[in-house]
Full PDB file with SEQRES, HELIX, SHEET, SSBOND, CRYST1, ORIGX, SCALE, CONECT and MASTER records, all heavy atoms in Angstrom:
SEQRES   1 A   42  THR THR THR ALA CYS TYR PHE ALA THR ILE HIS THR ASP          
SEQRES   2 A   42  ALA SER LEU LEU LEU ALA ASP ILE ILE ASP LYS PHE GLY          
SEQRES   3 A   42  GLN ARG ALA PHE VAL GLY LYS VAL CYS MET ASP ILE ASN          
SEQRES   4 A   42  GLU SER CYS                                                  
HELIX    1 AA1 THR A   12  PHE A   25  1                                  14    
SHEET    1 AA1 2 THR A   3  PHE A   7  0                                        
SHEET    2 AA1 2 ARG A  28  GLY A  32  1                                        
CRYST1    1.000    1.000    1.000  90.00  90.00  90.00 P 1           1          
ORIGX1      1.000000  0.000000  0.000000        0.00000                         
ORIGX2      0.000000  1.000000  0.000000        0.00000                         
ORIGX3      0.000000  0.000000  1.000000        0.00000                         
SCALE1      1.000000  0.000000  0.000000        0.00000                         
SCALE2      0.000000  1.000000  0.000000        0.00000                         
SCALE3      0.000000  0.000000  1.000000        0.00000                         
ATOM      1  N   THR A   1      20.303 -16.883  21.388  1.00  0.00           N  
ATOM      2  CA  THR A   1      19.073 -16.982  22.169  1.00  0.00           C  
ATOM      3  C   THR A   1      19.388 -17.663  23.497  1.00  0.00           C  
ATOM      4  O   THR A   1      19.545 -18.887  23.557  1.00  0.00           O  
ATOM      5  CB  THR A   1      17.998 -17.781  21.405  1.00  0.00           C  
ATOM      6  OG1 THR A   1      17.703 -17.108  20.180  1.00  0.00           O  
ATOM      7  CG2 THR A   1      16.719 -17.919  22.238  1.00  0.00           C  
ATOM      8  N   THR A   2      19.474 -16.866  24.536  1.00  0.00           N  
ATOM      9  CA  THR A   2      19.771 -17.423  25.861  1.00  0.00           C  
ATOM     10  C   THR A   2      18.505 -17.874  26.578  1.00  0.00           C  
ATOM     11  O   THR A   2      18.559 -18.704  27.487  1.00  0.00           O  
ATOM     12  CB  THR A   2      20.511 -16.392  26.720  1.00  0.00           C  
ATOM     13  OG1 THR A   2      19.784 -15.153  26.720  1.00  0.00           O  
ATOM     14  CG2 THR A   2      21.917 -16.154  26.182  1.00  0.00           C  
ATOM     15  N   THR A   3      17.346 -17.328  26.175  1.00  0.00           N  
ATOM     16  CA  THR A   3      16.054 -17.725  26.739  1.00  0.00           C  
ATOM     17  C   THR A   3      15.070 -17.957  25.604  1.00  0.00           C  
ATOM     18  O   THR A   3      14.973 -17.131  24.683  1.00  0.00           O  
ATOM     19  CB  THR A   3      15.489 -16.631  27.665  1.00  0.00           C  
ATOM     20  OG1 THR A   3      16.397 -16.401  28.735  1.00  0.00           O  
ATOM     21  CG2 THR A   3      14.126 -17.040  28.227  1.00  0.00           C  
ATOM     22  N   ALA A   4      14.336 -19.072  25.669  1.00  0.00           N  
ATOM     23  CA  ALA A   4      13.358 -19.389  24.625  1.00  0.00           C  
ATOM     24  C   ALA A   4      12.073 -19.922  25.247  1.00  0.00           C  
ATOM     25  O   ALA A   4      12.101 -20.591  26.277  1.00  0.00           O  
ATOM     26  CB  ALA A   4      13.923 -20.418  23.643  1.00  0.00           C  
ATOM     27  N   CYS A   5      10.964 -19.602  24.600  1.00  0.00           N  
ATOM     28  CA  CYS A   5       9.660 -20.109  25.015  1.00  0.00           C  
ATOM     29  C   CYS A   5       9.186 -21.059  23.928  1.00  0.00           C  
ATOM     30  O   CYS A   5       8.758 -20.630  22.855  1.00  0.00           O  
ATOM     31  CB  CYS A   5       8.676 -18.961  25.210  1.00  0.00           C  
ATOM     32  SG  CYS A   5       7.192 -19.407  26.112  1.00  0.00           S  
ATOM     33  N   TYR A   6       9.318 -22.372  24.200  1.00  0.00           N  
ATOM     34  CA  TYR A   6       9.121 -23.405  23.184  1.00  0.00           C  
ATOM     35  C   TYR A   6       7.730 -24.053  23.212  1.00  0.00           C  
ATOM     36  O   TYR A   6       7.240 -24.419  24.273  1.00  0.00           O  
ATOM     37  CB  TYR A   6      10.126 -24.532  23.401  1.00  0.00           C  
ATOM     38  CG  TYR A   6      11.558 -24.245  23.069  1.00  0.00           C  
ATOM     39  CD1 TYR A   6      12.506 -24.115  24.093  1.00  0.00           C  
ATOM     40  CD2 TYR A   6      11.988 -24.136  21.749  1.00  0.00           C  
ATOM     41  CE1 TYR A   6      13.848 -23.888  23.797  1.00  0.00           C  
ATOM     42  CE2 TYR A   6      13.330 -23.911  21.452  1.00  0.00           C  
ATOM     43  CZ  TYR A   6      14.265 -23.780  22.469  1.00  0.00           C  
ATOM     44  OH  TYR A   6      15.584 -23.563  22.193  1.00  0.00           O  
ATOM     45  N   PHE A   7       7.144 -24.222  22.058  1.00  0.00           N  
ATOM     46  CA  PHE A   7       6.081 -25.199  21.846  1.00  0.00           C  
ATOM     47  C   PHE A   7       6.760 -26.515  21.495  1.00  0.00           C  
ATOM     48  O   PHE A   7       7.726 -26.523  20.705  1.00  0.00           O  
ATOM     49  CB  PHE A   7       5.216 -24.812  20.658  1.00  0.00           C  
ATOM     50  CG  PHE A   7       4.052 -23.910  20.981  1.00  0.00           C  
ATOM     51  CD1 PHE A   7       4.254 -22.652  21.524  1.00  0.00           C  
ATOM     52  CD2 PHE A   7       2.763 -24.304  20.698  1.00  0.00           C  
ATOM     53  CE1 PHE A   7       3.194 -21.817  21.807  1.00  0.00           C  
ATOM     54  CE2 PHE A   7       1.676 -23.475  20.964  1.00  0.00           C  
ATOM     55  CZ  PHE A   7       1.888 -22.232  21.522  1.00  0.00           C  
ATOM     56  N   ALA A   8       6.271 -27.632  22.029  1.00  0.00           N  
ATOM     57  CA  ALA A   8       6.720 -28.950  21.596  1.00  0.00           C  
ATOM     58  C   ALA A   8       5.589 -29.556  20.747  1.00  0.00           C  
ATOM     59  O   ALA A   8       5.094 -28.902  19.829  1.00  0.00           O  
ATOM     60  CB  ALA A   8       7.067 -29.812  22.800  1.00  0.00           C  
ATOM     61  N   THR A   9       5.172 -30.785  21.040  1.00  0.00           N  
ATOM     62  CA  THR A   9       4.064 -31.425  20.339  1.00  0.00           C  
ATOM     63  C   THR A   9       3.103 -32.013  21.376  1.00  0.00           C  
ATOM     64  O   THR A   9       3.265 -31.792  22.568  1.00  0.00           O  
ATOM     65  CB  THR A   9       4.566 -32.568  19.420  1.00  0.00           C  
ATOM     66  OG1 THR A   9       5.143 -33.590  20.244  1.00  0.00           O  
ATOM     67  CG2 THR A   9       5.600 -32.061  18.430  1.00  0.00           C  
ATOM     68  N   ILE A  10       2.148 -32.819  20.924  1.00  0.00           N  
ATOM     69  CA  ILE A  10       1.201 -33.440  21.860  1.00  0.00           C  
ATOM     70  C   ILE A  10       1.836 -34.602  22.605  1.00  0.00           C  
ATOM     71  O   ILE A  10       1.233 -35.141  23.536  1.00  0.00           O  
ATOM     72  CB  ILE A  10      -0.071 -33.926  21.144  1.00  0.00           C  
ATOM     73  CG1 ILE A  10       0.233 -35.069  20.156  1.00  0.00           C  
ATOM     74  CG2 ILE A  10      -0.768 -32.768  20.431  1.00  0.00           C  
ATOM     75  CD1 ILE A  10      -1.005 -35.723  19.559  1.00  0.00           C  
ATOM     76  N   HIS A  11       3.050 -35.006  22.234  1.00  0.00           N  
ATOM     77  CA  HIS A  11       3.685 -36.200  22.792  1.00  0.00           C  
ATOM     78  C   HIS A  11       4.428 -35.856  24.084  1.00  0.00           C  
ATOM     79  O   HIS A  11       5.423 -35.137  24.067  1.00  0.00           O  
ATOM     80  CB  HIS A  11       4.647 -36.802  21.767  1.00  0.00           C  
ATOM     81  CG  HIS A  11       4.003 -36.997  20.423  1.00  0.00           C  
ATOM     82  ND1 HIS A  11       4.162 -36.085  19.400  1.00  0.00           N  
ATOM     83  CD2 HIS A  11       3.184 -37.978  19.959  1.00  0.00           C  
ATOM     84  CE1 HIS A  11       3.480 -36.504  18.335  1.00  0.00           C  
ATOM     85  NE2 HIS A  11       2.869 -37.630  18.650  1.00  0.00           N  
ATOM     86  N   THR A  12       3.940 -36.392  25.188  1.00  0.00           N  
ATOM     87  CA  THR A  12       4.472 -36.037  26.506  1.00  0.00           C  
ATOM     88  C   THR A  12       5.928 -36.438  26.670  1.00  0.00           C  
ATOM     89  O   THR A  12       6.753 -35.638  27.133  1.00  0.00           O  
ATOM     90  CB  THR A  12       3.629 -36.699  27.618  1.00  0.00           C  
ATOM     91  OG1 THR A  12       2.265 -36.353  27.420  1.00  0.00           O  
ATOM     92  CG2 THR A  12       4.082 -36.252  28.999  1.00  0.00           C  
ATOM     93  N   ASP A  13       6.267 -37.658  26.300  1.00  0.00           N  
ATOM     94  CA  ASP A  13       7.634 -38.130  26.512  1.00  0.00           C  
ATOM     95  C   ASP A  13       8.641 -37.325  25.700  1.00  0.00           C  
ATOM     96  O   ASP A  13       9.726 -36.981  26.195  1.00  0.00           O  
ATOM     97  CB  ASP A  13       7.755 -39.623  26.188  1.00  0.00           C  
ATOM     98  CG  ASP A  13       7.015 -40.502  27.195  1.00  0.00           C  
ATOM     99  OD1 ASP A  13       6.802 -40.049  28.342  1.00  0.00           O  
ATOM    100  OD2 ASP A  13       6.628 -41.624  26.829  1.00  0.00           O  
ATOM    101  N   ALA A  14       8.284 -37.021  24.454  1.00  0.00           N  
ATOM    102  CA  ALA A  14       9.186 -36.204  23.630  1.00  0.00           C  
ATOM    103  C   ALA A  14       9.301 -34.791  24.175  1.00  0.00           C  
ATOM    104  O   ALA A  14      10.366 -34.169  24.123  1.00  0.00           O  
ATOM    105  CB  ALA A  14       8.700 -36.178  22.185  1.00  0.00           C  
ATOM    106  N   SER A  15       8.224 -34.268  24.752  1.00  0.00           N  
ATOM    107  CA  SER A  15       8.248 -32.929  25.334  1.00  0.00           C  
ATOM    108  C   SER A  15       9.141 -32.899  26.575  1.00  0.00           C  
ATOM    109  O   SER A  15       9.883 -31.942  26.802  1.00  0.00           O  
ATOM    110  CB  SER A  15       6.837 -32.474  25.682  1.00  0.00           C  
ATOM    111  OG  SER A  15       6.004 -32.466  24.532  1.00  0.00           O  
ATOM    112  N   LEU A  16       9.065 -33.955  27.378  1.00  0.00           N  
ATOM    113  CA  LEU A  16       9.952 -34.081  28.540  1.00  0.00           C  
ATOM    114  C   LEU A  16      11.409 -34.203  28.092  1.00  0.00           C  
ATOM    115  O   LEU A  16      12.315 -33.657  28.730  1.00  0.00           O  
ATOM    116  CB  LEU A  16       9.564 -35.284  29.391  1.00  0.00           C  
ATOM    117  CG  LEU A  16       8.238 -35.147  30.168  1.00  0.00           C  
ATOM    118  CD1 LEU A  16       7.798 -36.500  30.725  1.00  0.00           C  
ATOM    119  CD2 LEU A  16       8.375 -34.130  31.290  1.00  0.00           C  
ATOM    120  N   LEU A  17      11.607 -34.885  26.976  1.00  0.00           N  
ATOM    121  CA  LEU A  17      12.964 -35.021  26.412  1.00  0.00           C  
ATOM    122  C   LEU A  17      13.509 -33.651  26.000  1.00  0.00           C  
ATOM    123  O   LEU A  17      14.682 -33.342  26.230  1.00  0.00           O  
ATOM    124  CB  LEU A  17      12.928 -35.967  25.211  1.00  0.00           C  
ATOM    125  CG  LEU A  17      14.236 -36.184  24.450  1.00  0.00           C  
ATOM    126  CD1 LEU A  17      15.310 -36.783  25.351  1.00  0.00           C  
ATOM    127  CD2 LEU A  17      13.993 -37.093  23.232  1.00  0.00           C  
ATOM    128  N   LEU A  18      12.648 -32.812  25.412  1.00  0.00           N  
ATOM    129  CA  LEU A  18      13.074 -31.462  25.034  1.00  0.00           C  
ATOM    130  C   LEU A  18      13.546 -30.681  26.258  1.00  0.00           C  
ATOM    131  O   LEU A  18      14.584 -30.020  26.220  1.00  0.00           O  
ATOM    132  CB  LEU A  18      11.924 -30.725  24.341  1.00  0.00           C  
ATOM    133  CG  LEU A  18      12.159 -29.249  24.011  1.00  0.00           C  
ATOM    134  CD1 LEU A  18      13.397 -29.045  23.146  1.00  0.00           C  
ATOM    135  CD2 LEU A  18      10.928 -28.645  23.343  1.00  0.00           C  
ATOM    136  N   ALA A  19      12.815 -30.788  27.364  1.00  0.00           N  
ATOM    137  CA  ALA A  19      13.222 -30.101  28.594  1.00  0.00           C  
ATOM    138  C   ALA A  19      14.589 -30.583  29.059  1.00  0.00           C  
ATOM    139  O   ALA A  19      15.434 -29.788  29.484  1.00  0.00           O  
ATOM    140  CB  ALA A  19      12.178 -30.312  29.680  1.00  0.00           C  
ATOM    141  N   ASP A  20      14.829 -31.890  28.974  1.00  0.00           N  
ATOM    142  CA  ASP A  20      16.125 -32.458  29.362  1.00  0.00           C  
ATOM    143  C   ASP A  20      17.257 -31.918  28.493  1.00  0.00           C  
ATOM    144  O   ASP A  20      18.338 -31.585  28.982  1.00  0.00           O  
ATOM    145  CB  ASP A  20      16.087 -33.994  29.246  1.00  0.00           C  
ATOM    146  CG  ASP A  20      15.714 -34.669  30.552  1.00  0.00           C  
ATOM    147  OD1 ASP A  20      15.927 -34.066  31.615  1.00  0.00           O  
ATOM    148  OD2 ASP A  20      15.211 -35.802  30.498  1.00  0.00           O  
ATOM    149  N   ILE A  21      17.004 -31.860  27.192  1.00  0.00           N  
ATOM    150  CA  ILE A  21      18.029 -31.392  26.250  1.00  0.00           C  
ATOM    151  C   ILE A  21      18.368 -29.927  26.512  1.00  0.00           C  
ATOM    152  O   ILE A  21      19.541 -29.535  26.533  1.00  0.00           O  
ATOM    153  CB  ILE A  21      17.550 -31.601  24.800  1.00  0.00           C  
ATOM    154  CG1 ILE A  21      17.507 -33.112  24.475  1.00  0.00           C  
ATOM    155  CG2 ILE A  21      18.452 -30.863  23.808  1.00  0.00           C  
ATOM    156  CD1 ILE A  21      16.784 -33.442  23.186  1.00  0.00           C  
ATOM    157  N   ILE A  22      17.353 -29.118  26.732  1.00  0.00           N  
ATOM    158  CA  ILE A  22      17.571 -27.695  27.024  1.00  0.00           C  
ATOM    159  C   ILE A  22      18.409 -27.545  28.281  1.00  0.00           C  
ATOM    160  O   ILE A  22      19.369 -26.760  28.315  1.00  0.00           O  
ATOM    161  CB  ILE A  22      16.224 -26.970  27.187  1.00  0.00           C  
ATOM    162  CG1 ILE A  22      15.464 -26.943  25.865  1.00  0.00           C  
ATOM    163  CG2 ILE A  22      16.431 -25.549  27.717  1.00  0.00           C  
ATOM    164  CD1 ILE A  22      14.006 -26.574  25.997  1.00  0.00           C  
ATOM    165  N   ASP A  23      18.070 -28.295  29.309  1.00  0.00           N  
ATOM    166  CA  ASP A  23      18.824 -28.229  30.562  1.00  0.00           C  
ATOM    167  C   ASP A  23      20.271 -28.655  30.357  1.00  0.00           C  
ATOM    168  O   ASP A  23      21.197 -28.035  30.894  1.00  0.00           O  
ATOM    169  CB  ASP A  23      18.162 -29.109  31.615  1.00  0.00           C  
ATOM    170  CG  ASP A  23      18.918 -29.105  32.933  1.00  0.00           C  
ATOM    171  OD1 ASP A  23      18.950 -28.061  33.595  1.00  0.00           O  
ATOM    172  OD2 ASP A  23      19.488 -30.160  33.285  1.00  0.00           O  
ATOM    173  N   LYS A  24      20.480 -29.682  29.565  1.00  0.00           N  
ATOM    174  CA  LYS A  24      21.833 -30.184  29.301  1.00  0.00           C  
ATOM    175  C   LYS A  24      22.697 -29.118  28.636  1.00  0.00           C  
ATOM    176  O   LYS A  24      23.883 -28.966  28.962  1.00  0.00           O  
ATOM    177  CB  LYS A  24      21.764 -31.430  28.421  1.00  0.00           C  
ATOM    178  CG  LYS A  24      23.126 -32.039  28.092  1.00  0.00           C  
ATOM    179  CD  LYS A  24      22.977 -33.304  27.264  1.00  0.00           C  
ATOM    180  CE  LYS A  24      22.530 -33.027  25.856  1.00  0.00           C  
ATOM    181  NZ  LYS A  24      22.538 -34.247  24.989  1.00  0.00           N  
ATOM    182  N   PHE A  25      22.102 -28.359  27.727  1.00  0.00           N  
ATOM    183  CA  PHE A  25      22.861 -27.315  27.017  1.00  0.00           C  
ATOM    184  C   PHE A  25      22.952 -26.028  27.822  1.00  0.00           C  
ATOM    185  O   PHE A  25      23.709 -25.132  27.456  1.00  0.00           O  
ATOM    186  CB  PHE A  25      22.251 -27.047  25.647  1.00  0.00           C  
ATOM    187  CG  PHE A  25      22.648 -28.038  24.601  1.00  0.00           C  
ATOM    188  CD1 PHE A  25      21.861 -29.141  24.318  1.00  0.00           C  
ATOM    189  CD2 PHE A  25      23.841 -27.894  23.907  1.00  0.00           C  
ATOM    190  CE1 PHE A  25      22.224 -30.061  23.355  1.00  0.00           C  
ATOM    191  CE2 PHE A  25      24.229 -28.806  22.941  1.00  0.00           C  
ATOM    192  CZ  PHE A  25      23.416 -29.900  22.673  1.00  0.00           C  
ATOM    193  N   GLY A  26      22.170 -25.901  28.875  1.00  0.00           N  
ATOM    194  CA  GLY A  26      22.267 -24.730  29.737  1.00  0.00           C  
ATOM    195  C   GLY A  26      21.442 -23.543  29.312  1.00  0.00           C  
ATOM    196  O   GLY A  26      21.621 -22.432  29.831  1.00  0.00           O  
ATOM    197  N   GLN A  27      20.515 -23.735  28.393  1.00  0.00           N  
ATOM    198  CA  GLN A  27      19.659 -22.631  27.968  1.00  0.00           C  
ATOM    199  C   GLN A  27      18.570 -22.381  29.019  1.00  0.00           C  
ATOM    200  O   GLN A  27      18.187 -23.277  29.762  1.00  0.00           O  
ATOM    201  CB  GLN A  27      19.015 -22.965  26.618  1.00  0.00           C  
ATOM    202  CG  GLN A  27      18.348 -21.794  25.904  1.00  0.00           C  
ATOM    203  CD  GLN A  27      17.862 -22.175  24.514  1.00  0.00           C  
ATOM    204  OE1 GLN A  27      17.271 -23.238  24.313  1.00  0.00           O  
ATOM    205  NE2 GLN A  27      18.135 -21.327  23.533  1.00  0.00           N  
ATOM    206  N   ARG A  28      18.079 -21.193  29.070  1.00  0.00           N  
ATOM    207  CA  ARG A  28      16.939 -20.828  29.928  1.00  0.00           C  
ATOM    208  C   ARG A  28      15.679 -20.965  29.080  1.00  0.00           C  
ATOM    209  O   ARG A  28      15.645 -20.459  27.953  1.00  0.00           O  
ATOM    210  CB  ARG A  28      17.126 -19.389  30.405  1.00  0.00           C  
ATOM    211  CG  ARG A  28      16.236 -18.944  31.547  1.00  0.00           C  
ATOM    212  CD  ARG A  28      16.449 -17.460  31.819  1.00  0.00           C  
ATOM    213  NE  ARG A  28      17.810 -17.115  32.168  1.00  0.00           N  
ATOM    214  CZ  ARG A  28      18.305 -17.174  33.400  1.00  0.00           C  
ATOM    215  NH1 ARG A  28      17.542 -17.570  34.399  1.00  0.00           N  
ATOM    216  NH2 ARG A  28      19.566 -16.822  33.630  1.00  0.00           N  
ATOM    217  N   ALA A  29      14.624 -21.603  29.600  1.00  0.00           N  
ATOM    218  CA  ALA A  29      13.481 -21.843  28.717  1.00  0.00           C  
ATOM    219  C   ALA A  29      12.196 -22.162  29.459  1.00  0.00           C  
ATOM    220  O   ALA A  29      12.195 -22.617  30.615  1.00  0.00           O  
ATOM    221  CB  ALA A  29      13.791 -22.995  27.757  1.00  0.00           C  
ATOM    222  N   PHE A  30      11.097 -21.928  28.739  1.00  0.00           N  
ATOM    223  CA  PHE A  30       9.789 -22.472  29.058  1.00  0.00           C  
ATOM    224  C   PHE A  30       9.491 -23.520  27.987  1.00  0.00           C  
ATOM    225  O   PHE A  30       9.769 -23.288  26.798  1.00  0.00           O  
ATOM    226  CB  PHE A  30       8.709 -21.404  29.027  1.00  0.00           C  
ATOM    227  CG  PHE A  30       8.792 -20.424  30.162  1.00  0.00           C  
ATOM    228  CD1 PHE A  30       9.638 -19.323  30.088  1.00  0.00           C  
ATOM    229  CD2 PHE A  30       8.017 -20.590  31.302  1.00  0.00           C  
ATOM    230  CE1 PHE A  30       9.717 -18.410  31.131  1.00  0.00           C  
ATOM    231  CE2 PHE A  30       8.088 -19.688  32.354  1.00  0.00           C  
ATOM    232  CZ  PHE A  30       8.947 -18.595  32.266  1.00  0.00           C  
ATOM    233  N   VAL A  31       8.924 -24.653  28.384  1.00  0.00           N  
ATOM    234  CA  VAL A  31       8.613 -25.730  27.446  1.00  0.00           C  
ATOM    235  C   VAL A  31       7.168 -26.155  27.635  1.00  0.00           C  
ATOM    236  O   VAL A  31       6.725 -26.398  28.769  1.00  0.00           O  
ATOM    237  CB  VAL A  31       9.522 -26.957  27.658  1.00  0.00           C  
ATOM    238  CG1 VAL A  31       9.198 -28.047  26.635  1.00  0.00           C  
ATOM    239  CG2 VAL A  31      10.985 -26.563  27.557  1.00  0.00           C  
ATOM    240  N   GLY A  32       6.435 -26.269  26.521  1.00  0.00           N  
ATOM    241  CA  GLY A  32       5.030 -26.652  26.611  1.00  0.00           C  
ATOM    242  C   GLY A  32       4.691 -27.873  25.782  1.00  0.00           C  
ATOM    243  O   GLY A  32       5.054 -27.942  24.602  1.00  0.00           O  
ATOM    244  N   LYS A  33       4.036 -28.836  26.397  1.00  0.00           N  
ATOM    245  CA  LYS A  33       3.417 -29.942  25.667  1.00  0.00           C  
ATOM    246  C   LYS A  33       2.135 -29.408  25.034  1.00  0.00           C  
ATOM    247  O   LYS A  33       1.268 -28.863  25.716  1.00  0.00           O  
ATOM    248  CB  LYS A  33       3.067 -31.086  26.621  1.00  0.00           C  
ATOM    249  CG  LYS A  33       2.279 -32.220  25.975  1.00  0.00           C  
ATOM    250  CD  LYS A  33       1.293 -32.804  26.955  1.00  0.00           C  
ATOM    251  CE  LYS A  33       0.235 -33.646  26.294  1.00  0.00           C  
ATOM    252  NZ  LYS A  33      -0.601 -32.946  25.297  1.00  0.00           N  
ATOM    253  N   VAL A  34       2.004 -29.517  23.741  1.00  0.00           N  
ATOM    254  CA  VAL A  34       0.864 -28.959  23.024  1.00  0.00           C  
ATOM    255  C   VAL A  34      -0.414 -29.726  23.371  1.00  0.00           C  
ATOM    256  O   VAL A  34      -0.410 -30.950  23.503  1.00  0.00           O  
ATOM    257  CB  VAL A  34       1.125 -28.987  21.504  1.00  0.00           C  
ATOM    258  CG1 VAL A  34      -0.143 -28.673  20.712  1.00  0.00           C  
ATOM    259  CG2 VAL A  34       2.235 -28.003  21.140  1.00  0.00           C  
ATOM    260  N   CYS A  35      -1.511 -28.983  23.506  1.00  0.00           N  
ATOM    261  CA  CYS A  35      -2.824 -29.572  23.788  1.00  0.00           C  
ATOM    262  C   CYS A  35      -3.782 -29.244  22.652  1.00  0.00           C  
ATOM    263  O   CYS A  35      -3.938 -28.081  22.281  1.00  0.00           O  
ATOM    264  CB  CYS A  35      -3.388 -29.021  25.097  1.00  0.00           C  
ATOM    265  SG  CYS A  35      -2.347 -29.314  26.531  1.00  0.00           S  
ATOM    266  N   MET A  36      -4.421 -30.260  22.110  1.00  0.00           N  
ATOM    267  CA  MET A  36      -5.431 -30.058  21.068  1.00  0.00           C  
ATOM    268  C   MET A  36      -6.346 -31.279  21.002  1.00  0.00           C  
ATOM    269  O   MET A  36      -5.868 -32.405  20.872  1.00  0.00           O  
ATOM    270  CB  MET A  36      -4.792 -29.757  19.707  1.00  0.00           C  
ATOM    271  CG  MET A  36      -3.683 -30.690  19.271  1.00  0.00           C  
ATOM    272  SD  MET A  36      -2.725 -30.041  17.864  1.00  0.00           S  
ATOM    273  CE  MET A  36      -3.968 -29.913  16.591  1.00  0.00           C  
ATOM    274  N   ASP A  37      -7.653 -31.049  21.129  1.00  0.00           N  
ATOM    275  CA  ASP A  37      -8.615 -32.152  21.039  1.00  0.00           C  
ATOM    276  C   ASP A  37      -9.572 -31.966  19.872  1.00  0.00           C  
ATOM    277  O   ASP A  37     -10.567 -32.691  19.745  1.00  0.00           O  
ATOM    278  CB  ASP A  37      -9.376 -32.327  22.361  1.00  0.00           C  
ATOM    279  CG  ASP A  37     -10.123 -31.082  22.805  1.00  0.00           C  
ATOM    280  OD1 ASP A  37      -9.981 -30.027  22.151  1.00  0.00           O  
ATOM    281  OD2 ASP A  37     -10.851 -31.156  23.812  1.00  0.00           O  
ATOM    282  N   ILE A  38      -9.280 -31.000  18.982  1.00  0.00           N  
ATOM    283  CA  ILE A  38      -9.993 -30.820  17.718  1.00  0.00           C  
ATOM    284  C   ILE A  38      -8.941 -30.733  16.616  1.00  0.00           C  
ATOM    285  O   ILE A  38      -7.983 -29.967  16.735  1.00  0.00           O  
ATOM    286  CB  ILE A  38     -10.815 -29.523  17.690  1.00  0.00           C  
ATOM    287  CG1 ILE A  38     -11.890 -29.506  18.772  1.00  0.00           C  
ATOM    288  CG2 ILE A  38     -11.459 -29.322  16.313  1.00  0.00           C  
ATOM    289  CD1 ILE A  38     -12.621 -28.171  18.870  1.00  0.00           C  
ATOM    290  N   ASN A  39      -9.084 -31.513  15.561  1.00  0.00           N  
ATOM    291  CA  ASN A  39      -8.188 -31.400  14.415  1.00  0.00           C  
ATOM    292  C   ASN A  39      -8.805 -32.095  13.212  1.00  0.00           C  
ATOM    293  O   ASN A  39      -8.459 -33.222  12.870  1.00  0.00           O  
ATOM    294  CB  ASN A  39      -6.814 -31.987  14.719  1.00  0.00           C  
ATOM    295  CG  ASN A  39      -5.770 -31.585  13.674  1.00  0.00           C  
ATOM    296  OD1 ASN A  39      -6.104 -30.978  12.662  1.00  0.00           O  
ATOM    297  ND2 ASN A  39      -4.519 -31.913  13.917  1.00  0.00           N  
ATOM    298  N   GLU A  40      -9.737 -31.416  12.576  1.00  0.00           N  
ATOM    299  CA  GLU A  40     -10.432 -31.997  11.427  1.00  0.00           C  
ATOM    300  C   GLU A  40      -9.512 -32.163  10.226  1.00  0.00           C  
ATOM    301  O   GLU A  40      -9.720 -33.053   9.400  1.00  0.00           O  
ATOM    302  CB  GLU A  40     -11.640 -31.124  11.061  1.00  0.00           C  
ATOM    303  CG  GLU A  40     -12.721 -31.107  12.127  1.00  0.00           C  
ATOM    304  CD  GLU A  40     -13.878 -30.201  11.765  1.00  0.00           C  
ATOM    305  OE1 GLU A  40     -13.836 -29.594  10.669  1.00  0.00           O  
ATOM    306  OE2 GLU A  40     -14.824 -30.070  12.577  1.00  0.00           O  
ATOM    307  N   SER A  41      -8.481 -31.340  10.120  1.00  0.00           N  
ATOM    308  CA  SER A  41      -7.591 -31.396   8.968  1.00  0.00           C  
ATOM    309  C   SER A  41      -6.559 -32.509   9.072  1.00  0.00           C  
ATOM    310  O   SER A  41      -5.951 -32.899   8.078  1.00  0.00           O  
ATOM    311  CB  SER A  41      -6.886 -30.051   8.761  1.00  0.00           C  
ATOM    312  OG  SER A  41      -6.088 -29.740   9.882  1.00  0.00           O  
ATOM    313  N   CYS A  42      -6.325 -33.031  10.280  1.00  0.00           N  
ATOM    314  CA  CYS A  42      -5.372 -34.131  10.479  1.00  0.00           C  
ATOM    315  C   CYS A  42      -5.847 -34.938  11.697  1.00  0.00           C  
ATOM    316  O   CYS A  42      -5.310 -34.789  12.796  1.00  0.00           O  
ATOM    317  CB  CYS A  42      -3.961 -33.590  10.697  1.00  0.00           C  
ATOM    318  SG  CYS A  42      -2.679 -34.864  10.782  1.00  0.00           S  
TER     319      CYS A  42                                                      
MASTER        0    0    0    1    2    0    0    6  318    1    0    4          
END                                                                             
């Protein structure tokens, strides 16, 4: 997988960390910090 479109989590710092790791390994990617303001199950 040379290009990936990633979901991360709601945690901004960890999502930024994912972008750093991808760049370090040289992969091509889109990275998204997950957004959710409704979650009755959790």
